[in-house]
């Protein structure tokens, strides 16, 4: 398929339609009836095949069912064993593009106002988080051919601004709720980070091993809950952990709001953080009368962050 460099664009679009990824000259995707994490189905474009592609199930699924599944996702008519029609890669390309456009049309749309790249130790981009207006987020990763795959499943997860953490192995780390705040704190010559969607996997946690960590808490229940979840995840890995409640922070405010409120706060940030007590799991207040909730995160939110023994 000369006009698309051997069908590369078709593979990318087919991967999007099937919720899979391009691997070499194939698409690996979930088989019919399998979970979204499954990759038991492989699809290879072949102009000589009756359908224009070859499907193989590593799970032993019915070949006709798999063909119909792929054709349905690609917007092509169902496979007919006794038919004589032959789909070209151009036909598949047109159908898949239409299917992808149809999928995109059904999703909420927003204007991209910022893109945050998550990089490995060498500075290579692993994946990207896009911030949208109206407020929303979506993630994608490079496909290795100059394009993007709109899925980060099975992608290595890393903390935001990992190259900075590697460059300054002994620096204190400011953990923020989002990338915007991490960039703002980093602009003050601090090591700052976060995790995409607040997902602190083991790969995100380990680069903070042995560090002194300041968790900058947003001033609402959601912020308090997230701060405690991060502290709990880092307990036993980080050297010290402090959950920092910034003074005079408005309701639902974050560290960027605090820095905007007074230009002198930039110089005060480290001092305020070191003044916060070192956090430990037993710093949460015991159950109070009339407080039946046993979950420590829920109790922390319900009793308030200052209800410490």
C-alpha atoms as a PDB file:
ATOM      1  CA  UNK A   1       0.000   0.000   0.000  1.00  0.00           C
ATOM      2  CA  UNK A   2       2.381   2.616  -1.309  1.00  0.00           C
ATOM      3  CA  UNK A   3       0.537   5.720  -0.301  1.00  0.00           C
ATOM      4  CA  UNK A   4       0.726   4.754   3.376  1.00  0.00           C
ATOM      5  CA  UNK A   5       4.246   3.272   3.483  1.00  0.00           C
ATOM      6  CA  UNK A   6       3.304  -0.379   3.533  1.00  0.00           C
ATOM      7  CA  UNK A   7       0.057   0.026   5.442  1.00  0.00           C
ATOM      8  CA  UNK A   8       1.565   1.569   8.584  1.00  0.00           C
ATOM      9  CA  UNK A   9      -1.258   4.075   8.908  1.00  0.00           C
ATOM     10  CA  UNK A  10      -3.790   1.253   8.473  1.00  0.00           C
ATOM     11  CA  UNK A  11      -2.162  -0.692  11.295  1.00  0.00           C
ATOM     12  CA  UNK A  12      -2.223   2.351  13.584  1.00  0.00           C
ATOM     13  CA  UNK A  13      -5.873   3.043  12.866  1.00  0.00           C
ATOM     14  CA  UNK A  14      -6.786  -0.629  13.182  1.00  0.00           C
ATOM     15  CA  UNK A  15      -5.038  -0.739  16.570  1.00  0.00           C
ATOM     16  CA  UNK A  16      -7.102   2.233  17.727  1.00  0.00           C
ATOM     17  CA  UNK A  17     -10.328   0.650  16.494  1.00  0.00           C
ATOM     18  CA  UNK A  18      -9.550  -2.635  18.281  1.00  0.00           C
ATOM     19  CA  UNK A  19      -8.074  -1.173  21.465  1.00  0.00           C
ATOM     20  CA  UNK A  20      -4.668  -2.727  20.824  1.00  0.00           C
ATOM     21  CA  UNK A  21      -1.138  -1.799  19.772  1.00  0.00           C
ATOM     22  CA  UNK A  22       1.039  -2.071  16.698  1.00  0.00           C
ATOM     23  CA  UNK A  23       3.892  -4.590  17.055  1.00  0.00           C
ATOM     24  CA  UNK A  24       6.073  -4.822  13.971  1.00  0.00           C
ATOM     25  CA  UNK A  25       3.829  -5.518  10.991  1.00  0.00           C
ATOM     26  CA  UNK A  26       0.918  -6.705  13.149  1.00  0.00           C
ATOM     27  CA  UNK A  27      -1.754  -5.411  15.463  1.00  0.00           C
ATOM     28  CA  UNK A  28      -2.055  -7.180  18.827  1.00  0.00           C
ATOM     29  CA  UNK A  29      -5.471  -6.647  20.396  1.00  0.00           C
ATOM     30  CA  UNK A  30      -8.090  -8.190  22.712  1.00  0.00           C
ATOM     31  CA  UNK A  31      -9.934 -11.126  21.176  1.00  0.00           C
ATOM     32  CA  UNK A  32     -13.748 -11.177  21.061  1.00  0.00           C
ATOM     33  CA  UNK A  33     -15.139 -11.487  24.581  1.00  0.00           C
ATOM     34  CA  UNK A  34     -11.728 -10.978  26.226  1.00  0.00           C
ATOM     35  CA  UNK A  35     -10.713  -8.266  28.665  1.00  0.00           C
ATOM     36  CA  UNK A  36      -9.225  -4.987  27.474  1.00  0.00           C
ATOM     37  CA  UNK A  37      -5.798  -6.118  28.728  1.00  0.00           C
ATOM     38  CA  UNK A  38      -5.873  -9.260  26.594  1.00  0.00           C
ATOM     39  CA  UNK A  39      -3.622  -9.426  23.534  1.00  0.00           C
ATOM     40  CA  UNK A  40      -4.562 -12.846  22.186  1.00  0.00           C
ATOM     41  CA  UNK A  41      -5.530 -11.618  18.718  1.00  0.00           C
ATOM     42  CA  UNK A  42      -3.056 -10.718  15.970  1.00  0.00           C
ATOM     43  CA  UNK A  43      -4.063  -9.022  12.706  1.00  0.00           C
ATOM     44  CA  UNK A  44      -1.742  -8.738   9.702  1.00  0.00           C
ATOM     45  CA  UNK A  45      -2.670  -6.783   6.575  1.00  0.00           C
ATOM     46  CA  UNK A  46      -2.339  -8.903   3.424  1.00  0.00           C
ATOM     47  CA  UNK A  47      -3.548  -7.670   0.028  1.00  0.00           C
ATOM     48  CA  UNK A  48      -3.632 -11.272  -1.185  1.00  0.00           C
ATOM     49  CA  UNK A  49      -6.000 -12.485   1.534  1.00  0.00           C
ATOM     50  CA  UNK A  50      -9.726 -12.722   0.812  1.00  0.00           C
ATOM     51  CA  UNK A  51     -10.506 -10.158   3.530  1.00  0.00           C
ATOM     52  CA  UNK A  52      -7.406  -8.026   3.038  1.00  0.00           C
ATOM     53  CA  UNK A  53      -6.015  -9.197   6.374  1.00  0.00           C
ATOM     54  CA  UNK A  54      -5.090 -12.366   8.263  1.00  0.00           C
ATOM     55  CA  UNK A  55      -6.360 -12.967  11.789  1.00  0.00           C
ATOM     56  CA  UNK A  56      -4.854 -15.410  14.281  1.00  0.00           C
ATOM     57  CA  UNK A  57      -6.072 -16.153  17.824  1.00  0.00           C
ATOM     58  CA  UNK A  58      -3.468 -17.317  20.326  1.00  0.00           C
ATOM     59  CA  UNK A  59      -6.398 -18.249  22.594  1.00  0.00           C
ATOM     60  CA  UNK A  60      -7.851 -20.677  20.054  1.00  0.00           C
ATOM     61  CA  UNK A  61     -10.993 -18.616  19.397  1.00  0.00           C
ATOM     62  CA  UNK A  62     -13.174 -19.473  16.409  1.00  0.00           C
ATOM     63  CA  UNK A  63     -11.521 -18.023  13.233  1.00  0.00           C
ATOM     64  CA  UNK A  64     -14.838 -16.915  11.675  1.00  0.00           C
ATOM     65  CA  UNK A  65     -15.895 -15.230  14.914  1.00  0.00           C
ATOM     66  CA  UNK A  66     -12.533 -13.452  15.064  1.00  0.00           C
ATOM     67  CA  UNK A  67     -12.813 -12.304  11.439  1.00  0.00           C
ATOM     68  CA  UNK A  68     -16.321 -10.947  12.048  1.00  0.00           C
ATOM     69  CA  UNK A  69     -15.101  -9.239  15.214  1.00  0.00           C
ATOM     70  CA  UNK A  70     -12.265  -7.470  13.388  1.00  0.00           C
ATOM     71  CA  UNK A  71     -14.480  -6.544  10.438  1.00  0.00           C
ATOM     72  CA  UNK A  72     -17.152  -5.138  12.755  1.00  0.00           C
ATOM     73  CA  UNK A  73     -14.594  -3.007  14.613  1.00  0.00           C
ATOM     74  CA  UNK A  74     -13.110  -1.881  11.291  1.00  0.00           C
ATOM     75  CA  UNK A  75     -16.514  -0.977   9.854  1.00  0.00           C
ATOM     76  CA  UNK A  76     -16.442  -3.715   7.170  1.00  0.00           C
ATOM     77  CA  UNK A  77     -19.325  -6.123   6.361  1.00  0.00           C
ATOM     78  CA  UNK A  78     -19.333  -9.553   8.041  1.00  0.00           C
ATOM     79  CA  UNK A  79     -17.173 -12.340   6.608  1.00  0.00           C
ATOM     80  CA  UNK A  80     -18.959 -14.710   4.193  1.00  0.00           C
ATOM     81  CA  UNK A  81     -17.207 -18.105   3.775  1.00  0.00           C
ATOM     82  CA  UNK A  82     -18.672 -18.680   0.293  1.00  0.00           C
ATOM     83  CA  UNK A  83     -18.435 -15.101  -0.926  1.00  0.00           C
ATOM     84  CA  UNK A  84     -16.198 -13.973  -3.747  1.00  0.00           C
ATOM     85  CA  UNK A  85     -15.551 -10.384  -2.714  1.00  0.00           C
ATOM     86  CA  UNK A  86     -11.991  -9.405  -1.823  1.00  0.00           C
ATOM     87  CA  UNK A  87     -11.251  -6.391   0.377  1.00  0.00           C
ATOM     88  CA  UNK A  88      -8.212  -4.332  -0.568  1.00  0.00           C
ATOM     89  CA  UNK A  89      -6.008  -2.551   1.948  1.00  0.00           C
ATOM     90  CA  UNK A  90      -7.463   0.695   0.565  1.00  0.00           C
ATOM     91  CA  UNK A  91     -10.961  -0.569   1.423  1.00  0.00           C
ATOM     92  CA  UNK A  92      -9.806  -1.472   4.919  1.00  0.00           C
ATOM     93  CA  UNK A  93      -8.074   1.883   5.331  1.00  0.00           C
ATOM     94  CA  UNK A  94     -11.203   3.807   4.373  1.00  0.00           C
ATOM     95  CA  UNK A  95     -13.448   1.686   6.606  1.00  0.00           C
ATOM     96  CA  UNK A  96     -11.115   1.813   9.606  1.00  0.00           C
ATOM     97  CA  UNK A  97     -10.660   5.574   9.329  1.00  0.00           C
ATOM     98  CA  UNK A  98     -14.453   5.968   9.267  1.00  0.00           C
ATOM     99  CA  UNK A  99     -14.783   3.687  12.307  1.00  0.00           C
ATOM    100  CA  UNK A 100     -12.129   5.622  14.223  1.00  0.00           C
ATOM    101  CA  UNK A 101     -13.775   8.933  13.347  1.00  0.00           C
ATOM    102  CA  UNK A 102     -17.064   7.514  14.571  1.00  0.00           C
ATOM    103  CA  UNK A 103     -15.476   6.489  17.860  1.00  0.00           C
ATOM    104  CA  UNK A 104     -13.899   9.912  18.287  1.00  0.00           C
ATOM    105  CA  UNK A 105     -17.195  11.639  17.588  1.00  0.00           C
ATOM    106  CA  UNK A 106     -18.840   9.748  20.452  1.00  0.00           C
ATOM    107  CA  UNK A 107     -16.211  10.833  22.999  1.00  0.00           C
ATOM    108  CA  UNK A 108     -16.228  14.157  24.873  1.00  0.00           C
ATOM    109  CA  UNK A 109     -14.047  16.630  23.043  1.00  0.00           C
ATOM    110  CA  UNK A 110     -11.870  19.307  24.502  1.00  0.00           C
ATOM    111  CA  UNK A 111      -9.171  21.731  23.488  1.00  0.00           C
ATOM    112  CA  UNK A 112      -5.648  20.650  24.419  1.00  0.00           C
ATOM    113  CA  UNK A 113      -4.171  23.378  26.599  1.00  0.00           C
ATOM    114  CA  UNK A 114      -1.062  21.580  27.859  1.00  0.00           C
ATOM    115  CA  UNK A 115       0.868  18.362  27.258  1.00  0.00           C
ATOM    116  CA  UNK A 116       3.018  16.737  29.924  1.00  0.00           C
ATOM    117  CA  UNK A 117       5.618  14.202  28.834  1.00  0.00           C
ATOM    118  CA  UNK A 118       6.658  11.350  31.093  1.00  0.00           C
ATOM    119  CA  UNK A 119      10.260  10.409  30.277  1.00  0.00           C
ATOM    120  CA  UNK A 120      12.633   7.627  31.241  1.00  0.00           C
ATOM    121  CA  UNK A 121      16.050   8.111  32.827  1.00  0.00           C
ATOM    122  CA  UNK A 122      17.642   9.002  29.481  1.00  0.00           C
ATOM    123  CA  UNK A 123      14.990  11.582  28.594  1.00  0.00           C
ATOM    124  CA  UNK A 124      13.081   9.462  26.059  1.00  0.00           C
ATOM    125  CA  UNK A 125       9.311   9.992  26.120  1.00  0.00           C
ATOM    126  CA  UNK A 126       7.399   6.972  27.407  1.00  0.00           C
ATOM    127  CA  UNK A 127       3.929   8.524  27.371  1.00  0.00           C
ATOM    128  CA  UNK A 128       2.158  11.853  27.535  1.00  0.00           C
ATOM    129  CA  UNK A 129      -0.739  13.324  29.514  1.00  0.00           C
ATOM    130  CA  UNK A 130      -2.815  15.974  27.763  1.00  0.00           C
ATOM    131  CA  UNK A 131      -4.801  18.532  29.763  1.00  0.00           C
ATOM    132  CA  UNK A 132      -8.051  19.598  28.096  1.00  0.00           C
ATOM    133  CA  UNK A 133     -10.461  22.506  28.323  1.00  0.00           C
ATOM    134  CA  UNK A 134     -13.185  21.884  29.541  1.00  0.00           C
ATOM    135  CA  UNK A 135     -11.124  20.232  32.261  1.00  0.00           C
ATOM    136  CA  UNK A 136     -10.207  16.692  31.400  1.00  0.00           C
ATOM    137  CA  UNK A 137      -7.188  14.497  30.756  1.00  0.00           C
ATOM    138  CA  UNK A 138      -6.183  11.856  28.229  1.00  0.00           C
ATOM    139  CA  UNK A 139      -3.036   9.796  27.741  1.00  0.00           C
ATOM    140  CA  UNK A 140      -1.123   8.522  24.742  1.00  0.00           C
ATOM    141  CA  UNK A 141       2.257   7.012  23.914  1.00  0.00           C
ATOM    142  CA  UNK A 142       4.600   7.126  20.890  1.00  0.00           C
ATOM    143  CA  UNK A 143       4.117   4.351  18.338  1.00  0.00           C
ATOM    144  CA  UNK A 144       7.770   4.392  17.238  1.00  0.00           C
ATOM    145  CA  UNK A 145       6.892   5.706  13.764  1.00  0.00           C
ATOM    146  CA  UNK A 146       6.298   9.358  14.524  1.00  0.00           C
ATOM    147  CA  UNK A 147       2.669   8.886  15.536  1.00  0.00           C
ATOM    148  CA  UNK A 148       0.752   8.125  18.725  1.00  0.00           C
ATOM    149  CA  UNK A 149      -1.187   5.233  20.227  1.00  0.00           C
ATOM    150  CA  UNK A 150      -4.098   6.339  22.402  1.00  0.00           C
ATOM    151  CA  UNK A 151      -3.443   3.776  25.103  1.00  0.00           C
ATOM    152  CA  UNK A 152      -0.774   3.442  27.798  1.00  0.00           C
ATOM    153  CA  UNK A 153      -1.690  -0.091  28.852  1.00  0.00           C
ATOM    154  CA  UNK A 154       1.341  -2.276  29.466  1.00  0.00           C
ATOM    155  CA  UNK A 155       3.544   0.836  29.232  1.00  0.00           C
ATOM    156  CA  UNK A 156       6.227   1.298  31.868  1.00  0.00           C
ATOM    157  CA  UNK A 157       4.989   3.820  34.441  1.00  0.00           C
ATOM    158  CA  UNK A 158       7.389   6.410  35.869  1.00  0.00           C
ATOM    159  CA  UNK A 159       7.085   9.467  38.109  1.00  0.00           C
ATOM    160  CA  UNK A 160       6.790  12.804  36.346  1.00  0.00           C
ATOM    161  CA  UNK A 161      10.101  14.604  35.731  1.00  0.00           C
ATOM    162  CA  UNK A 162      12.097  11.415  36.373  1.00  0.00           C
ATOM    163  CA  UNK A 163      15.275  12.785  34.706  1.00  0.00           C
ATOM    164  CA  UNK A 164      15.405  15.499  37.392  1.00  0.00           C
ATOM    165  CA  UNK A 165      15.133  12.881  40.142  1.00  0.00           C
ATOM    166  CA  UNK A 166      18.010  10.974  38.555  1.00  0.00           C
ATOM    167  CA  UNK A 167      20.103  14.132  38.130  1.00  0.00           C
ATOM    168  CA  UNK A 168      19.673  15.165  41.788  1.00  0.00           C
ATOM    169  CA  UNK A 169      19.685  11.879  43.736  1.00  0.00           C
ATOM    170  CA  UNK A 170      20.024  13.527  47.163  1.00  0.00           C
ATOM    171  CA  UNK A 171      17.496  16.354  46.739  1.00  0.00           C
ATOM    172  CA  UNK A 172      14.267  16.590  48.691  1.00  0.00           C
ATOM    173  CA  UNK A 173      11.238  15.805  46.521  1.00  0.00           C
ATOM    174  CA  UNK A 174       8.039  17.834  46.426  1.00  0.00           C
ATOM    175  CA  UNK A 175       5.105  15.588  45.476  1.00  0.00           C
ATOM    176  CA  UNK A 176       2.253  17.519  43.880  1.00  0.00           C
ATOM    177  CA  UNK A 177      -1.249  16.427  42.949  1.00  0.00           C
ATOM    178  CA  UNK A 178      -0.779  17.175  39.236  1.00  0.00           C
ATOM    179  CA  UNK A 179       1.730  17.976  36.528  1.00  0.00           C
ATOM    180  CA  UNK A 180       0.874  21.688  36.415  1.00  0.00           C
ATOM    181  CA  UNK A 181       1.809  22.120  40.068  1.00  0.00           C
ATOM    182  CA  UNK A 182       4.925  19.960  39.707  1.00  0.00           C
ATOM    183  CA  UNK A 183       6.158  22.166  36.872  1.00  0.00           C
ATOM    184  CA  UNK A 184       5.442  25.274  38.936  1.00  0.00           C
ATOM    185  CA  UNK A 185       7.414  24.006  41.934  1.00  0.00           C
ATOM    186  CA  UNK A 186      10.239  22.792  39.660  1.00  0.00           C
ATOM    187  CA  UNK A 187      10.495  26.315  38.237  1.00  0.00           C
ATOM    188  CA  UNK A 188      11.689  27.345  41.727  1.00  0.00           C
ATOM    189  CA  UNK A 189      14.700  25.003  41.392  1.00  0.00           C
ATOM    190  CA  UNK A 190      13.148  22.233  43.472  1.00  0.00           C
ATOM    191  CA  UNK A 191      12.788  18.569  42.564  1.00  0.00           C
ATOM    192  CA  UNK A 192       9.062  18.078  42.004  1.00  0.00           C
ATOM    193  CA  UNK A 193       7.024  15.171  40.739  1.00  0.00           C
ATOM    194  CA  UNK A 194       3.623  13.497  40.550  1.00  0.00           C
ATOM    195  CA  UNK A 195       2.131  10.334  39.056  1.00  0.00           C
ATOM    196  CA  UNK A 196      -0.257  10.259  36.108  1.00  0.00           C
ATOM    197  CA  UNK A 197      -3.850   9.993  37.375  1.00  0.00           C
ATOM    198  CA  UNK A 198      -2.474   9.526  40.905  1.00  0.00           C
ATOM    199  CA  UNK A 199      -1.480   5.957  40.056  1.00  0.00           C
ATOM    200  CA  UNK A 200       1.556   5.342  42.277  1.00  0.00           C
ATOM    201  CA  UNK A 201       2.816   2.032  40.932  1.00  0.00           C
ATOM    202  CA  UNK A 202       5.964   0.351  42.216  1.00  0.00           C
ATOM    203  CA  UNK A 203       7.935   1.847  39.300  1.00  0.00           C
ATOM    204  CA  UNK A 204       6.779   5.317  40.370  1.00  0.00           C
ATOM    205  CA  UNK A 205       7.579   4.746  44.031  1.00  0.00           C
ATOM    206  CA  UNK A 206      11.119   3.353  43.781  1.00  0.00           C
ATOM    207  CA  UNK A 207      12.804   6.534  42.422  1.00  0.00           C
ATOM    208  CA  UNK A 208      11.773   8.192  45.717  1.00  0.00           C
ATOM    209  CA  UNK A 209      13.491   5.534  47.846  1.00  0.00           C
ATOM    210  CA  UNK A 210      15.622   7.049  50.594  1.00  0.00           C
ATOM    211  CA  UNK A 211      14.399  10.589  49.821  1.00  0.00           C
ATOM    212  CA  UNK A 212      12.952  13.247  52.118  1.00  0.00           C
ATOM    213  CA  UNK A 213       9.503  13.815  50.645  1.00  0.00           C
ATOM    214  CA  UNK A 214       7.083  16.736  50.984  1.00  0.00           C
ATOM    215  CA  UNK A 215       3.530  15.947  49.883  1.00  0.00           C
ATOM    216  CA  UNK A 216       1.809  19.220  49.015  1.00  0.00           C
ATOM    217  CA  UNK A 217      -1.822  18.700  49.956  1.00  0.00           C
ATOM    218  CA  UNK A 218      -4.663  20.376  48.054  1.00  0.00           C
ATOM    219  CA  UNK A 219      -7.167  22.012  50.407  1.00  0.00           C
ATOM    220  CA  UNK A 220     -10.212  19.782  49.982  1.00  0.00           C
ATOM    221  CA  UNK A 221     -11.279  16.294  50.975  1.00  0.00           C
ATOM    222  CA  UNK A 222     -10.120  14.837  47.673  1.00  0.00           C
ATOM    223  CA  UNK A 223      -6.705  16.442  48.153  1.00  0.00           C
ATOM    224  CA  UNK A 224      -6.409  15.142  51.706  1.00  0.00           C
ATOM    225  CA  UNK A 225      -7.357  11.649  50.577  1.00  0.00           C
ATOM    226  CA  UNK A 226      -4.816  11.661  47.747  1.00  0.00           C
ATOM    227  CA  UNK A 227      -2.064  13.020  49.994  1.00  0.00           C
ATOM    228  CA  UNK A 228      -2.602  10.255  52.527  1.00  0.00           C
ATOM    229  CA  UNK A 229      -2.689   7.605  49.799  1.00  0.00           C
ATOM    230  CA  UNK A 230       0.692   8.806  48.500  1.00  0.00           C
ATOM    231  CA  UNK A 231       2.135   8.895  52.027  1.00  0.00           C
ATOM    232  CA  UNK A 232       0.928   5.359  52.662  1.00  0.00           C
ATOM    233  CA  UNK A 233       2.412   4.156  49.367  1.00  0.00           C
ATOM    234  CA  UNK A 234       5.791   5.753  50.161  1.00  0.00           C
ATOM    235  CA  UNK A 235       5.921   4.606  53.789  1.00  0.00           C
ATOM    236  CA  UNK A 236       8.914   2.344  54.328  1.00  0.00           C
ATOM    237  CA  UNK A 237      10.482   3.481  51.040  1.00  0.00           C
ATOM    238  CA  UNK A 238      11.116   7.203  51.508  1.00  0.00           C
ATOM    239  CA  UNK A 239      13.471   8.399  54.248  1.00  0.00           C
ATOM    240  CA  UNK A 240      10.970  10.876  55.697  1.00  0.00           C
ATOM    241  CA  UNK A 241       7.487  11.919  54.649  1.00  0.00           C
ATOM    242  CA  UNK A 242       5.732  15.180  55.480  1.00  0.00           C
ATOM    243  CA  UNK A 243       2.169  15.979  54.460  1.00  0.00           C
ATOM    244  CA  UNK A 244       2.206  19.744  54.056  1.00  0.00           C
ATOM    245  CA  UNK A 245      -0.901  21.887  54.584  1.00  0.00           C
ATOM    246  CA  UNK A 246       0.037  25.268  53.149  1.00  0.00           C
ATOM    247  CA  UNK A 247      -1.031  28.181  55.408  1.00  0.00           C
ATOM    248  CA  UNK A 248      -3.957  30.381  54.384  1.00  0.00           C
ATOM    249  CA  UNK A 249      -4.717  28.231  51.363  1.00  0.00           C
ATOM    250  CA  UNK A 250      -8.264  28.891  50.075  1.00  0.00           C
ATOM    251  CA  UNK A 251     -10.808  26.101  49.820  1.00  0.00           C
ATOM    252  CA  UNK A 252      -9.920  23.777  46.938  1.00  0.00           C
ATOM    253  CA  UNK A 253      -6.637  25.643  46.521  1.00  0.00           C
ATOM    254  CA  UNK A 254      -3.332  24.068  45.498  1.00  0.00           C
ATOM    255  CA  UNK A 255       0.339  25.023  45.680  1.00  0.00           C
ATOM    256  CA  UNK A 256       0.091  27.098  42.486  1.00  0.00           C
ATOM    257  CA  UNK A 257      -2.707  29.148  44.070  1.00  0.00           C
ATOM    258  CA  UNK A 258      -0.573  29.588  47.179  1.00  0.00           C
ATOM    259  CA  UNK A 259       2.424  30.781  45.176  1.00  0.00           C
ATOM    260  CA  UNK A 260       0.215  33.169  43.181  1.00  0.00           C
ATOM    261  CA  UNK A 261      -1.234  34.705  46.357  1.00  0.00           C
ATOM    262  CA  UNK A 262       2.046  36.209  47.527  1.00  0.00           C
ATOM    263  CA  UNK A 263       5.311  36.415  45.613  1.00  0.00           C
ATOM    264  CA  UNK A 264       7.180  35.962  48.896  1.00  0.00           C
ATOM    265  CA  UNK A 265       5.752  32.448  49.239  1.00  0.00           C
ATOM    266  CA  UNK A 266       8.237  31.114  46.691  1.00  0.00           C
ATOM    267  CA  UNK A 267      11.095  31.689  49.139  1.00  0.00           C
ATOM    268  CA  UNK A 268       9.023  30.400  52.072  1.00  0.00           C
ATOM    269  CA  UNK A 269       7.992  27.095  50.503  1.00  0.00           C
ATOM    270  CA  UNK A 270      10.884  24.949  51.738  1.00  0.00           C
ATOM    271  CA  UNK A 271      10.684  26.464  55.229  1.00  0.00           C
ATOM    272  CA  UNK A 272       6.955  25.776  55.474  1.00  0.00           C
ATOM    273  CA  UNK A 273       7.510  22.199  54.345  1.00  0.00           C
ATOM    274  CA  UNK A 274      10.254  21.489  56.876  1.00  0.00           C
ATOM    275  CA  UNK A 275       8.008  22.906  59.630  1.00  0.00           C
ATOM    276  CA  UNK A 276       5.433  20.190  58.927  1.00  0.00           C
ATOM    277  CA  UNK A 277       5.688  17.139  61.224  1.00  0.00           C
ATOM    278  CA  UNK A 278       7.163  13.909  59.927  1.00  0.00           C
ATOM    279  CA  UNK A 279       4.291  11.626  58.960  1.00  0.00           C
ATOM    280  CA  UNK A 280       3.846   8.054  60.134  1.00  0.00           C
ATOM    281  CA  UNK A 281       0.835   5.734  59.886  1.00  0.00           C
ATOM    282  CA  UNK A 282       0.182   5.978  63.632  1.00  0.00           C
ATOM    283  CA  UNK A 283      -0.094   9.786  63.302  1.00  0.00           C
ATOM    284  CA  UNK A 284      -3.782   9.329  62.409  1.00  0.00           C
ATOM    285  CA  UNK A 285      -6.088   9.921  65.333  1.00  0.00           C
ATOM    286  CA  UNK A 286      -7.785   6.860  66.876  1.00  0.00           C
ATOM    287  CA  UNK A 287     -11.465   6.274  66.226  1.00  0.00           C
ATOM    288  CA  UNK A 288     -13.496   9.022  67.822  1.00  0.00           C
ATOM    289  CA  UNK A 289     -16.891   8.393  69.461  1.00  0.00           C
ATOM    290  CA  UNK A 290     -19.567   8.363  66.816  1.00  0.00           C
ATOM    291  CA  UNK A 291     -17.001   7.734  64.052  1.00  0.00           C
ATOM    292  CA  UNK A 292     -17.585   4.121  62.979  1.00  0.00           C
ATOM    293  CA  UNK A 293     -15.483   4.340  59.814  1.00  0.00           C
ATOM    294  CA  UNK A 294     -12.340   2.174  60.225  1.00  0.00           C
ATOM    295  CA  UNK A 295     -10.568   2.922  56.947  1.00  0.00           C
ATOM    296  CA  UNK A 296      -7.566   5.185  57.759  1.00  0.00           C
ATOM    297  CA  UNK A 297      -7.944   7.279  54.610  1.00  0.00           C
ATOM    298  CA  UNK A 298     -11.634   7.875  55.252  1.00  0.00           C
ATOM    299  CA  UNK A 299     -10.946   8.710  58.909  1.00  0.00           C
ATOM    300  CA  UNK A 300      -8.219  11.147  57.944  1.00  0.00           C
ATOM    301  CA  UNK A 301     -10.634  12.992  55.683  1.00  0.00           C
ATOM    302  CA  UNK A 302     -13.550  12.811  58.112  1.00  0.00           C
ATOM    303  CA  UNK A 303     -11.632  13.936  61.205  1.00  0.00           C
ATOM    304  CA  UNK A 304      -9.483  16.452  59.354  1.00  0.00           C
ATOM    305  CA  UNK A 305      -5.745  16.534  58.741  1.00  0.00           C
ATOM    306  CA  UNK A 306      -4.945  18.237  62.054  1.00  0.00           C
ATOM    307  CA  UNK A 307      -6.634  15.577  64.202  1.00  0.00           C
ATOM    308  CA  UNK A 308      -3.279  13.956  64.945  1.00  0.00           C
ATOM    309  CA  UNK A 309      -2.221  12.536  68.263  1.00  0.00           C
END
